[in-house]
Amino acid sequence: SVYEHFDVTYVVNDVTGEEITSYGTFQRLQCEEVSRAELEKHYEARRILQSQPAAWKSNSVLLVDTSGSMRESDVWGTRSRLGAVWRAIAEDFVARRIRTGMAGKNHAVSIV
């Protein structure tokens, strides 16, 4: 059976009553609206960077660990460590760079 208590989800063996696993309740990222004009700017920037690599000002490369240990559910607010990584990339890296103007059409981000 699956139970929730104080933002923690518990999976329990119905026969023995033993806890099988538990994890912090998943929290959804807030969706940000992307206007048609912003989407067009993105496509244009991608076209330029693909056709003129010398136009790049920077290329940030983020290495993401996807090993088995990243499935552990010990990070509050996400189902797994990997979920926490994706959330941090979205909220702390990408969104901050956009908000502060640190990212522009000549800056690329690669995730490996």
Foldseek 3Di string as FASTA:
>chain_A
DWDDDPQKIWDADPPPRHTPDMAGHADDDDDDDDDPVNVVLQVVLVVCCVVPVVLAPEEAEAEQDPDPQQCDRPDHRHRGNSRVVVVCCVPPPPVVCVVVVVDDSRYHYHYD
